[in-house]
Amino acid sequence: MPPKVSQEPSTMPEAQGLKYDEYEMAFFMAKLSYHSTAEERMASSDSNLASISEAQAKILKLWDMLRQKEKELAEKGKSLSPTEKRQLRQYAWRFEQLEKTATKTTGE
């Protein structure tokens, strides 16, 4: 039986053309978080949790619309206005604050 050959880290190919977008990742994580807890929170007897879930859904919808606009503008070689860029950051912050509030309430 031939010995196993382990690859050295230096022989691994480097990623090319991979672009990391902090707000894309934040949006992905927010959606993942929302979808994993939304049903339970909406069914909860705690009206605050249901309210938080509804607010998060609205934020995700607005956030996604602005992301789509950003992609369309990028295809045309343009970018969002500074106000719209600030809105993207605010959506991420708002969602995170609501999540912190929800997890403090339930102790998750």
PDB file of N, CA and C in Angstrom:
ATOM      1  N   MET A   1       0.846  -1.163   0.000  1.00  0.00           N
ATOM      2  CA  MET A   1       0.000   0.000   0.000  1.00  0.00           C
ATOM      3  C   MET A   1       0.902   1.239   0.000  1.00  0.00           C
ATOM      4  N   PRO A   2       0.690   2.144  -0.978  1.00  0.00           N
ATOM      5  CA  PRO A   2       1.565   3.308  -1.056  1.00  0.00           C
ATOM      6  C   PRO A   2       1.308   4.273   0.106  1.00  0.00           C
ATOM      7  N   PRO A   3       2.352   4.956   0.553  1.00  0.00           N
ATOM      8  CA  PRO A   3       2.162   5.894   1.664  1.00  0.00           C
ATOM      9  C   PRO A   3       1.311   7.093   1.227  1.00  0.00           C
ATOM     10  N   LYS A   4       0.582   7.629   2.178  1.00  0.00           N
ATOM     11  CA  LYS A   4      -0.227   8.804   1.888  1.00  0.00           C
ATOM     12  C   LYS A   4       0.689  10.009   1.710  1.00  0.00           C
ATOM     13  N   VAL A   5       0.383  10.789   0.700  1.00  0.00           N
ATOM     14  CA  VAL A   5       1.165  11.981   0.438  1.00  0.00           C
ATOM     15  C   VAL A   5       0.384  13.180   0.969  1.00  0.00           C
ATOM     16  N   SER A   6       1.001  13.889   1.871  1.00  0.00           N
ATOM     17  CA  SER A   6       0.310  15.081   2.388  1.00  0.00           C
ATOM     18  C   SER A   6       0.804  16.295   1.623  1.00  0.00           C
ATOM     19  N   GLN A   7      -0.128  17.163   1.312  1.00  0.00           N
ATOM     20  CA  GLN A   7       0.241  18.371   0.574  1.00  0.00           C
ATOM     21  C   GLN A   7       0.763  19.408   1.543  1.00  0.00           C
ATOM     22  N   GLU A   8       1.844  20.021   1.166  1.00  0.00           N
ATOM     23  CA  GLU A   8       2.384  21.122   1.944  1.00  0.00           C
ATOM     24  C   GLU A   8       1.516  22.352   1.690  1.00  0.00           C
ATOM     25  N   PRO A   9       1.336  23.200   2.683  1.00  0.00           N
ATOM     26  CA  PRO A   9       0.541  24.415   2.477  1.00  0.00           C
ATOM     27  C   PRO A   9       1.076  25.283   1.339  1.00  0.00           C
ATOM     28  N   SER A  10       2.376  25.244   1.101  1.00  0.00           N
ATOM     29  CA  SER A  10       2.954  26.084   0.055  1.00  0.00           C
ATOM     30  C   SER A  10       2.616  25.577  -1.346  1.00  0.00           C
ATOM     31  N   THR A  11       2.163  24.328  -1.459  1.00  0.00           N
ATOM     32  CA  THR A  11       1.835  23.794  -2.772  1.00  0.00           C
ATOM     33  C   THR A  11       0.373  24.015  -3.145  1.00  0.00           C
ATOM     34  N   MET A  12      -0.401  24.550  -2.231  1.00  0.00           N
ATOM     35  CA  MET A  12      -1.806  24.815  -2.515  1.00  0.00           C
ATOM     36  C   MET A  12      -1.913  26.012  -3.446  1.00  0.00           C
ATOM     37  N   PRO A  13      -2.762  25.905  -4.442  1.00  0.00           N
ATOM     38  CA  PRO A  13      -2.910  27.052  -5.352  1.00  0.00           C
ATOM     39  C   PRO A  13      -3.578  28.221  -4.636  1.00  0.00           C
ATOM     40  N   GLU A  14      -3.172  29.398  -5.007  1.00  0.00           N
ATOM     41  CA  GLU A  14      -3.763  30.595  -4.417  1.00  0.00           C
ATOM     42  C   GLU A  14      -5.053  30.932  -5.144  1.00  0.00           C
ATOM     43  N   ALA A  15      -6.016  31.428  -4.383  1.00  0.00           N
ATOM     44  CA  ALA A  15      -7.285  31.839  -4.980  1.00  0.00           C
ATOM     45  C   ALA A  15      -7.058  33.072  -5.837  1.00  0.00           C
ATOM     46  N   GLN A  16      -7.616  33.044  -7.016  1.00  0.00           N
ATOM     47  CA  GLN A  16      -7.480  34.184  -7.906  1.00  0.00           C
ATOM     48  C   GLN A  16      -8.867  34.696  -8.248  1.00  0.00           C
ATOM     49  N   GLY A  17      -9.012  35.990  -8.248  1.00  0.00           N
ATOM     50  CA  GLY A  17     -10.292  36.590  -8.606  1.00  0.00           C
ATOM     51  C   GLY A  17     -11.342  36.498  -7.525  1.00  0.00           C
ATOM     52  N   LEU A  18     -10.969  36.038  -6.358  1.00  0.00           N
ATOM     53  CA  LEU A  18     -11.912  35.917  -5.252  1.00  0.00           C
ATOM     54  C   LEU A  18     -11.966  37.257  -4.533  1.00  0.00           C
ATOM     55  N   LYS A  19     -13.163  37.784  -4.418  1.00  0.00           N
ATOM     56  CA  LYS A  19     -13.334  39.095  -3.815  1.00  0.00           C
ATOM     57  C   LYS A  19     -14.262  38.957  -2.609  1.00  0.00           C
ATOM     58  N   TYR A  20     -13.807  39.414  -1.459  1.00  0.00           N
ATOM     59  CA  TYR A  20     -14.586  39.327  -0.229  1.00  0.00           C
ATOM     60  C   TYR A  20     -15.258  40.664   0.017  1.00  0.00           C
ATOM     61  N   ASP A  21     -16.547  40.639   0.195  1.00  0.00           N
ATOM     62  CA  ASP A  21     -17.304  41.842   0.479  1.00  0.00           C
ATOM     63  C   ASP A  21     -17.907  41.693   1.871  1.00  0.00           C
ATOM     64  N   GLU A  22     -17.485  42.544   2.770  1.00  0.00           N
ATOM     65  CA  GLU A  22     -17.915  42.473   4.161  1.00  0.00           C
ATOM     66  C   GLU A  22     -19.429  42.554   4.303  1.00  0.00           C
ATOM     67  N   TYR A  23     -20.070  43.397   3.497  1.00  0.00           N
ATOM     68  CA  TYR A  23     -21.519  43.564   3.630  1.00  0.00           C
ATOM     69  C   TYR A  23     -22.285  42.422   2.965  1.00  0.00           C
ATOM     70  N   GLU A  24     -21.711  41.802   1.956  1.00  0.00           N
ATOM     71  CA  GLU A  24     -22.332  40.603   1.373  1.00  0.00           C
ATOM     72  C   GLU A  24     -22.333  39.483   2.410  1.00  0.00           C
ATOM     73  N   MET A  25     -21.202  39.335   3.102  1.00  0.00           N
ATOM     74  CA  MET A  25     -21.104  38.293   4.122  1.00  0.00           C
ATOM     75  C   MET A  25     -22.038  38.598   5.289  1.00  0.00           C
ATOM     76  N   ALA A  26     -22.128  39.861   5.671  1.00  0.00           N
ATOM     77  CA  ALA A  26     -23.028  40.243   6.760  1.00  0.00           C
ATOM     78  C   ALA A  26     -24.476  39.938   6.370  1.00  0.00           C
ATOM     79  N   PHE A  27     -24.828  40.222   5.111  1.00  0.00           N
ATOM     80  CA  PHE A  27     -26.184  39.943   4.641  1.00  0.00           C
ATOM     81  C   PHE A  27     -26.456  38.442   4.665  1.00  0.00           C
ATOM     82  N   PHE A  28     -25.503  37.658   4.191  1.00  0.00           N
ATOM     83  CA  PHE A  28     -25.645  36.206   4.181  1.00  0.00           C
ATOM     84  C   PHE A  28     -25.852  35.683   5.601  1.00  0.00           C
ATOM     85  N   MET A  29     -25.035  36.154   6.539  1.00  0.00           N
ATOM     86  CA  MET A  29     -25.136  35.691   7.919  1.00  0.00           C
ATOM     87  C   MET A  29     -26.469  36.134   8.545  1.00  0.00           C
ATOM     88  N   ALA A  30     -26.916  37.339   8.210  1.00  0.00           N
ATOM     89  CA  ALA A  30     -28.191  37.834   8.737  1.00  0.00           C
ATOM     90  C   ALA A  30     -29.350  36.978   8.229  1.00  0.00           C
ATOM     91  N   LYS A  31     -29.328  36.665   6.931  1.00  0.00           N
ATOM     92  CA  LYS A  31     -30.394  35.819   6.377  1.00  0.00           C
ATOM     93  C   LYS A  31     -30.391  34.440   7.023  1.00  0.00           C
ATOM     94  N   LEU A  32     -29.212  33.900   7.197  1.00  0.00           N
ATOM     95  CA  LEU A  32     -29.079  32.586   7.820  1.00  0.00           C
ATOM     96  C   LEU A  32     -29.633  32.618   9.244  1.00  0.00           C
ATOM     97  N   SER A  33     -29.266  33.634   9.980  1.00  0.00           N
ATOM     98  CA  SER A  33     -29.742  33.792  11.356  1.00  0.00           C
ATOM     99  C   SER A  33     -31.256  33.951  11.392  1.00  0.00           C
ATOM    100  N   TYR A  34     -31.773  34.802  10.511  1.00  0.00           N
ATOM    101  CA  TYR A  34     -33.220  35.048  10.486  1.00  0.00           C
ATOM    102  C   TYR A  34     -33.989  33.769  10.174  1.00  0.00           C
ATOM    103  N   HIS A  35     -33.578  33.068   9.138  1.00  0.00           N
ATOM    104  CA  HIS A  35     -34.321  31.877   8.716  1.00  0.00           C
ATOM    105  C   HIS A  35     -34.229  30.738   9.734  1.00  0.00           C
ATOM    106  N   SER A  36     -33.181  30.750  10.541  1.00  0.00           N
ATOM    107  CA  SER A  36     -33.067  29.682  11.529  1.00  0.00           C
ATOM    108  C   SER A  36     -33.915  29.953  12.773  1.00  0.00           C
ATOM    109  N   THR A  37     -34.364  31.196  12.961  1.00  0.00           N
ATOM    110  CA  THR A  37     -35.111  31.524  14.175  1.00  0.00           C
ATOM    111  C   THR A  37     -36.504  32.108  13.925  1.00  0.00           C
ATOM    112  N   ALA A  38     -36.807  32.506  12.719  1.00  0.00           N
ATOM    113  CA  ALA A  38     -38.044  33.252  12.436  1.00  0.00           C
ATOM    114  C   ALA A  38     -39.308  32.514  12.855  1.00  0.00           C
ATOM    115  N   GLU A  39     -39.442  31.276  12.450  1.00  0.00           N
ATOM    116  CA  GLU A  39     -40.671  30.537  12.765  1.00  0.00           C
ATOM    117  C   GLU A  39     -40.885  30.397  14.264  1.00  0.00           C
ATOM    118  N   GLU A  40     -39.812  30.065  14.965  1.00  0.00           N
ATOM    119  CA  GLU A  40     -39.914  29.887  16.415  1.00  0.00           C
ATOM    120  C   GLU A  40     -40.291  31.206  17.096  1.00  0.00           C
ATOM    121  N   ARG A  41     -39.679  32.289  16.661  1.00  0.00           N
ATOM    122  CA  ARG A  41     -39.976  33.591  17.274  1.00  0.00           C
ATOM    123  C   ARG A  41     -41.386  34.063  16.950  1.00  0.00           C
ATOM    124  N   MET A  42     -41.837  33.828  15.719  1.00  0.00           N
ATOM    125  CA  MET A  42     -43.184  34.245  15.342  1.00  0.00           C
ATOM    126  C   MET A  42     -44.239  33.452  16.116  1.00  0.00           C
ATOM    127  N   ALA A  43     -43.944  32.201  16.420  1.00  0.00           N
ATOM    128  CA  ALA A  43     -44.889  31.353  17.153  1.00  0.00           C
ATOM    129  C   ALA A  43     -44.797  31.552  18.660  1.00  0.00           C
ATOM    130  N   SER A  44     -43.805  32.312  19.086  1.00  0.00           N
ATOM    131  CA  SER A  44     -43.587  32.523  20.514  1.00  0.00           C
ATOM    132  C   SER A  44     -44.736  33.308  21.139  1.00  0.00           C
ATOM    133  N   SER A  45     -44.956  33.048  22.412  1.00  0.00           N
ATOM    134  CA  SER A  45     -45.982  33.806  23.133  1.00  0.00           C
ATOM    135  C   SER A  45     -45.456  35.187  23.518  1.00  0.00           C
ATOM    136  N   ASP A  46     -44.166  35.396  23.353  1.00  0.00           N
ATOM    137  CA  ASP A  46     -43.547  36.693  23.645  1.00  0.00           C
ATOM    138  C   ASP A  46     -43.733  37.609  22.434  1.00  0.00           C
ATOM    139  N   SER A  47     -44.570  38.614  22.603  1.00  0.00           N
ATOM    140  CA  SER A  47     -44.853  39.511  21.477  1.00  0.00           C
ATOM    141  C   SER A  47     -43.612  40.300  21.041  1.00  0.00           C
ATOM    142  N   ASN A  48     -42.668  40.506  21.958  1.00  0.00           N
ATOM    143  CA  ASN A  48     -41.433  41.200  21.590  1.00  0.00           C
ATOM    144  C   ASN A  48     -40.632  40.394  20.569  1.00  0.00           C
ATOM    145  N   LEU A  49     -40.556  39.091  20.754  1.00  0.00           N
ATOM    146  CA  LEU A  49     -39.807  38.247  19.816  1.00  0.00           C
ATOM    147  C   LEU A  49     -40.467  38.245  18.440  1.00  0.00           C
ATOM    148  N   ALA A  50     -41.773  38.192  18.407  1.00  0.00           N
ATOM    149  CA  ALA A  50     -42.483  38.231  17.126  1.00  0.00           C
ATOM    150  C   ALA A  50     -42.258  39.570  16.445  1.00  0.00           C
ATOM    151  N   SER A  51     -42.279  40.614  17.216  1.00  0.00           N
ATOM    152  CA  SER A  51     -42.062  41.956  16.691  1.00  0.00           C
ATOM    153  C   SER A  51     -40.636  42.110  16.150  1.00  0.00           C
ATOM    154  N   ILE A  52     -39.672  41.564  16.865  1.00  0.00           N
ATOM    155  CA  ILE A  52     -38.280  41.605  16.412  1.00  0.00           C
ATOM    156  C   ILE A  52     -38.146  40.858  15.100  1.00  0.00           C
ATOM    157  N   SER A  53     -38.768  39.703  15.008  1.00  0.00           N
ATOM    158  CA  SER A  53     -38.703  38.908  13.783  1.00  0.00           C
ATOM    159  C   SER A  53     -39.301  39.656  12.596  1.00  0.00           C
ATOM    160  N   GLU A  54     -40.414  40.327  12.816  1.00  0.00           N
ATOM    161  CA  GLU A  54     -41.041  41.113  11.749  1.00  0.00           C
ATOM    162  C   GLU A  54     -40.133  42.264  11.314  1.00  0.00           C
ATOM    163  N   ALA A  55     -39.523  42.937  12.283  1.00  0.00           N
ATOM    164  CA  ALA A  55     -38.616  44.045  11.969  1.00  0.00           C
ATOM    165  C   ALA A  55     -37.400  43.546  11.195  1.00  0.00           C
ATOM    166  N   GLN A  56     -36.885  42.394  11.589  1.00  0.00           N
ATOM    167  CA  GLN A  56     -35.745  41.822  10.881  1.00  0.00           C
ATOM    168  C   GLN A  56     -36.117  41.474   9.438  1.00  0.00           C
ATOM    169  N   ALA A  57     -37.315  40.960   9.235  1.00  0.00           N
ATOM    170  CA  ALA A  57     -37.766  40.628   7.879  1.00  0.00           C
ATOM    171  C   ALA A  57     -37.799  41.887   7.009  1.00  0.00           C
ATOM    172  N   LYS A  58     -38.296  42.982   7.561  1.00  0.00           N
ATOM    173  CA  LYS A  58     -38.347  44.246   6.817  1.00  0.00           C
ATOM    174  C   LYS A  58     -36.946  44.746   6.490  1.00  0.00           C
ATOM    175  N   ILE A  59     -36.053  44.660   7.464  1.00  0.00           N
ATOM    176  CA  ILE A  59     -34.672  45.090   7.239  1.00  0.00           C
ATOM    177  C   ILE A  59     -34.035  44.267   6.135  1.00  0.00           C
ATOM    178  N   LEU A  60     -34.219  42.950   6.185  1.00  0.00           N
ATOM    179  CA  LEU A  60     -33.629  42.082   5.159  1.00  0.00           C
ATOM    180  C   LEU A  60     -34.157  42.424   3.772  1.00  0.00           C
ATOM    181  N   LYS A  61     -35.440  42.726   3.683  1.00  0.00           N
ATOM    182  CA  LYS A  61     -36.040  43.059   2.389  1.00  0.00           C
ATOM    183  C   LYS A  61     -35.433  44.360   1.840  1.00  0.00           C
ATOM    184  N   LEU A  62     -35.378  45.387   2.671  1.00  0.00           N
ATOM    185  CA  LEU A  62     -34.806  46.666   2.241  1.00  0.00           C
ATOM    186  C   LEU A  62     -33.316  46.534   1.920  1.00  0.00           C
ATOM    187  N   TRP A  63     -32.622  45.782   2.740  1.00  0.00           N
ATOM    188  CA  TRP A  63     -31.191  45.550   2.561  1.00  0.00           C
ATOM    189  C   TRP A  63     -30.941  44.860   1.220  1.00  0.00           C
ATOM    190  N   ASP A  64     -31.747  43.845   0.922  1.00  0.00           N
ATOM    191  CA  ASP A  64     -31.589  43.111  -0.327  1.00  0.00           C
ATOM    192  C   ASP A  64     -31.887  44.008  -1.535  1.00  0.00           C
ATOM    193  N   MET A  65     -32.905  44.849  -1.421  1.00  0.00           N
ATOM    194  CA  MET A  65     -33.223  45.758  -2.536  1.00  0.00           C
ATOM    195  C   MET A  65     -32.050  46.715  -2.807  1.00  0.00           C
ATOM    196  N   LEU A  66     -31.440  47.210  -1.760  1.00  0.00           N
ATOM    197  CA  LEU A  66     -30.311  48.116  -1.933  1.00  0.00           C
ATOM    198  C   LEU A  66     -29.093  47.380  -2.491  1.00  0.00           C
ATOM    199  N   ARG A  67     -28.907  46.138  -2.074  1.00  0.00           N
ATOM    200  CA  ARG A  67     -27.807  45.324  -2.622  1.00  0.00           C
ATOM    201  C   ARG A  67     -28.002  45.100  -4.122  1.00  0.00           C
ATOM    202  N   GLN A  68     -29.252  44.814  -4.518  1.00  0.00           N
ATOM    203  CA  GLN A  68     -29.539  44.606  -5.942  1.00  0.00           C
ATOM    204  C   GLN A  68     -29.272  45.873  -6.737  1.00  0.00           C
ATOM    205  N   LYS A  69     -29.648  47.001  -6.169  1.00  0.00           N
ATOM    206  CA  LYS A  69     -29.394  48.280  -6.830  1.00  0.00           C
ATOM    207  C   LYS A  69     -27.891  48.495  -6.983  1.00  0.00           C
ATOM    208  N   GLU A  70     -27.140  48.146  -5.945  1.00  0.00           N
ATOM    209  CA  GLU A  70     -25.687  48.291  -5.990  1.00  0.00           C
ATOM    210  C   GLU A  70     -25.081  47.436  -7.106  1.00  0.00           C
ATOM    211  N   LYS A  71     -25.591  46.209  -7.258  1.00  0.00           N
ATOM    212  CA  LYS A  71     -25.095  45.313  -8.309  1.00  0.00           C
ATOM    213  C   LYS A  71     -25.425  45.858  -9.700  1.00  0.00           C
ATOM    214  N   GLU A  72     -26.643  46.375  -9.860  1.00  0.00           N
ATOM    215  CA  GLU A  72     -27.040  46.940 -11.156  1.00  0.00           C
ATOM    216  C   GLU A  72     -26.183  48.153 -11.506  1.00  0.00           C
ATOM    217  N   LEU A  73     -25.922  48.996 -10.523  1.00  0.00           N
ATOM    218  CA  LEU A  73     -25.075  50.166 -10.766  1.00  0.00           C
ATOM    219  C   LEU A  73     -23.646  49.749 -11.090  1.00  0.00           C
ATOM    220  N   ALA A  74     -23.159  48.718 -10.415  1.00  0.00           N
ATOM    221  CA  ALA A  74     -21.795  48.238 -10.657  1.00  0.00           C
ATOM    222  C   ALA A  74     -21.639  47.734 -12.087  1.00  0.00           C
ATOM    223  N   GLU A  75     -22.684  47.101 -12.612  1.00  0.00           N
ATOM    224  CA  GLU A  75     -22.644  46.629 -13.996  1.00  0.00           C
ATOM    225  C   GLU A  75     -22.523  47.788 -14.981  1.00  0.00           C
ATOM    226  N   LYS A  76     -23.033  48.947 -14.576  1.00  0.00           N
ATOM    227  CA  LYS A  76     -22.970  50.131 -15.426  1.00  0.00           C
ATOM    228  C   LYS A  76     -21.735  50.983 -15.130  1.00  0.00           C
ATOM    229  N   GLY A  77     -20.891  50.489 -14.208  1.00  0.00           N
ATOM    230  CA  GLY A  77     -19.680  51.220 -13.862  1.00  0.00           C
ATOM    231  C   GLY A  77     -19.921  52.344 -12.867  1.00  0.00           C
ATOM    232  N   LYS A  78     -21.036  52.302 -12.184  1.00  0.00           N
ATOM    233  CA  LYS A  78     -21.373  53.328 -11.203  1.00  0.00           C
ATOM    234  C   LYS A  78     -21.400  52.702  -9.811  1.00  0.00           C
ATOM    235  N   SER A  79     -21.603  53.541  -8.810  1.00  0.00           N
ATOM    236  CA  SER A  79     -21.707  53.016  -7.449  1.00  0.00           C
ATOM    237  C   SER A  79     -22.792  53.767  -6.683  1.00  0.00           C
ATOM    238  N   LEU A  80     -23.111  53.241  -5.523  1.00  0.00           N
ATOM    239  CA  LEU A  80     -24.120  53.857  -4.675  1.00  0.00           C
ATOM    240  C   LEU A  80     -23.637  55.208  -4.172  1.00  0.00           C
ATOM    241  N   SER A  81     -24.585  56.053  -3.842  1.00  0.00           N
ATOM    242  CA  SER A  81     -24.249  57.348  -3.253  1.00  0.00           C
ATOM    243  C   SER A  81     -23.737  57.106  -1.828  1.00  0.00           C
ATOM    244  N   PRO A  82     -23.031  58.065  -1.266  1.00  0.00           N
ATOM    245  CA  PRO A  82     -22.569  57.903   0.123  1.00  0.00           C
ATOM    246  C   PRO A  82     -23.722  57.646   1.100  1.00  0.00           C
ATOM    247  N   THR A  83     -24.863  58.259   0.851  1.00  0.00           N
ATOM    248  CA  THR A  83     -26.030  58.042   1.714  1.00  0.00           C
ATOM    249  C   THR A  83     -26.494  56.592   1.634  1.00  0.00           C
ATOM    250  N   GLU A  84     -26.518  56.048   0.439  1.00  0.00           N
ATOM    251  CA  GLU A  84     -26.957  54.655   0.270  1.00  0.00           C
ATOM    252  C   GLU A  84     -25.939  53.690   0.868  1.00  0.00           C
ATOM    253  N   LYS A  85     -24.662  54.011   0.757  1.00  0.00           N
ATOM    254  CA  LYS A  85     -23.635  53.163   1.369  1.00  0.00           C
ATOM    255  C   LYS A  85     -23.785  53.166   2.890  1.00  0.00           C
ATOM    256  N   ARG A  86     -24.114  54.330   3.432  1.00  0.00           N
ATOM    257  CA  ARG A  86     -24.332  54.437   4.868  1.00  0.00           C
ATOM    258  C   ARG A  86     -25.558  53.601   5.269  1.00  0.00           C
ATOM    259  N   GLN A  87     -26.574  53.599   4.408  1.00  0.00           N
ATOM    260  CA  GLN A  87     -27.772  52.788   4.676  1.00  0.00           C
ATOM    261  C   GLN A  87     -27.422  51.308   4.764  1.00  0.00           C
ATOM    262  N   LEU A  88     -26.548  50.833   3.877  1.00  0.00           N
ATOM    263  CA  LEU A  88     -26.131  49.427   3.928  1.00  0.00           C
ATOM    264  C   LEU A  88     -25.521  49.105   5.287  1.00  0.00           C
ATOM    265  N   ARG A  89     -24.660  49.978   5.759  1.00  0.00           N
ATOM    266  CA  ARG A  89     -24.031  49.758   7.068  1.00  0.00           C
ATOM    267  C   ARG A  89     -25.078  49.798   8.177  1.00  0.00           C
ATOM    268  N   GLN A  90     -26.056  50.700   8.040  1.00  0.00           N
ATOM    269  CA  GLN A  90     -27.104  50.808   9.059  1.00  0.00           C
ATOM    270  C   GLN A  90     -27.976  49.560   9.104  1.00  0.00           C
ATOM    271  N   TYR A  91     -28.289  48.995   7.944  1.00  0.00           N
ATOM    272  CA  TYR A  91     -29.087  47.768   7.929  1.00  0.00           C
ATOM    273  C   TYR A  91     -28.371  46.654   8.680  1.00  0.00           C
ATOM    274  N   ALA A  92     -27.061  46.528   8.427  1.00  0.00           N
ATOM    275  CA  ALA A  92     -26.283  45.493   9.119  1.00  0.00           C
ATOM    276  C   ALA A  92     -26.302  45.739  10.625  1.00  0.00           C
ATOM    277  N   TRP A  93     -26.110  46.980  11.024  1.00  0.00           N
ATOM    278  CA  TRP A  93     -26.080  47.319  12.442  1.00  0.00           C
ATOM    279  C   TRP A  93     -27.444  47.091  13.091  1.00  0.00           C
ATOM    280  N   ARG A  94     -28.501  47.544  12.431  1.00  0.00           N
ATOM    281  CA  ARG A  94     -29.855  47.378  12.988  1.00  0.00           C
ATOM    282  C   ARG A  94     -30.204  45.912  13.180  1.00  0.00           C
ATOM    283  N   PHE A  95     -29.907  45.117  12.163  1.00  0.00           N
ATOM    284  CA  PHE A  95     -30.219  43.694  12.259  1.00  0.00           C
ATOM    285  C   PHE A  95     -29.473  43.079  13.438  1.00  0.00           C
ATOM    286  N   GLU A  96     -28.203  43.403  13.559  1.00  0.00           N
ATOM    287  CA  GLU A  96     -27.384  42.850  14.638  1.00  0.00           C
ATOM    288  C   GLU A  96     -27.915  43.273  16.013  1.00  0.00           C
ATOM    289  N   GLN A  97     -28.319  44.531  16.140  1.00  0.00           N
ATOM    290  CA  GLN A  97     -28.847  45.008  17.416  1.00  0.00           C
ATOM    291  C   GLN A  97     -30.153  44.294  17.775  1.00  0.00           C
ATOM    292  N   LEU A  98     -31.006  44.090  16.793  1.00  0.00           N
ATOM    293  CA  LEU A  98     -32.251  43.350  17.049  1.00  0.00           C
ATOM    294  C   LEU A  98     -31.949  41.917  17.467  1.00  0.00           C
ATOM    295  N   GLU A  99     -30.965  41.314  16.819  1.00  0.00           N
ATOM    296  CA  GLU A  99     -30.591  39.934  17.162  1.00  0.00           C
ATOM    297  C   GLU A  99     -30.059  39.866  18.591  1.00  0.00           C
ATOM    298  N   LYS A 100     -29.256  40.834  18.973  1.00  0.00           N
ATOM    299  CA  LYS A 100     -28.740  40.865  20.347  1.00  0.00           C
ATOM    300  C   LYS A 100     -29.885  41.013  21.350  1.00  0.00           C
ATOM    301  N   THR A 101     -30.831  41.861  21.028  1.00  0.00           N
ATOM    302  CA  THR A 101     -31.989  42.060  21.896  1.00  0.00           C
ATOM    303  C   THR A 101     -32.791  40.766  22.019  1.00  0.00           C
ATOM    304  N   ALA A 102     -32.991  40.100  20.905  1.00  0.00           N
ATOM    305  CA  ALA A 102     -33.763  38.850  20.926  1.00  0.00           C
ATOM    306  C   ALA A 102     -33.054  37.768  21.719  1.00  0.00           C
ATOM    307  N   THR A 103     -31.763  37.674  21.580  1.00  0.00           N
ATOM    308  CA  THR A 103     -31.050  36.612  22.299  1.00  0.00           C
ATOM    309  C   THR A 103     -30.897  36.943  23.785  1.00  0.00           C
ATOM    310  N   LYS A 104     -30.871  38.211  24.141  1.00  0.00           N
ATOM    311  CA  LYS A 104     -30.867  38.584  25.575  1.00  0.00           C
ATOM    312  C   LYS A 104     -32.204  38.207  26.187  1.00  0.00           C
ATOM    313  N   THR A 105     -33.274  38.445  25.450  1.00  0.00           N
ATOM    314  CA  THR A 105     -34.630  38.167  25.943  1.00  0.00           C
ATOM    315  C   THR A 105     -34.818  36.682  26.200  1.00  0.00           C
ATOM    316  N   THR A 106     -34.338  35.860  25.264  1.00  0.00           N
ATOM    317  CA  THR A 106     -34.563  34.417  25.389  1.00  0.00           C
ATOM    318  C   THR A 106     -33.420  33.689  26.080  1.00  0.00           C
ATOM    319  N   GLY A 107     -32.270  34.352  26.195  1.00  0.00           N
ATOM    320  CA  GLY A 107     -31.121  33.708  26.828  1.00  0.00           C
ATOM    321  C   GLY A 107     -30.462  32.670  25.965  1.00  0.00           C
ATOM    322  N   GLU A 108     -30.670  32.741  24.637  1.00  0.00           N
ATOM    323  CA  GLU A 108     -30.086  31.745  23.715  1.00  0.00           C
ATOM    324  C   GLU A 108     -28.605  31.910  23.611  1.00  0.00           C
TER     325      GLU A 108
END
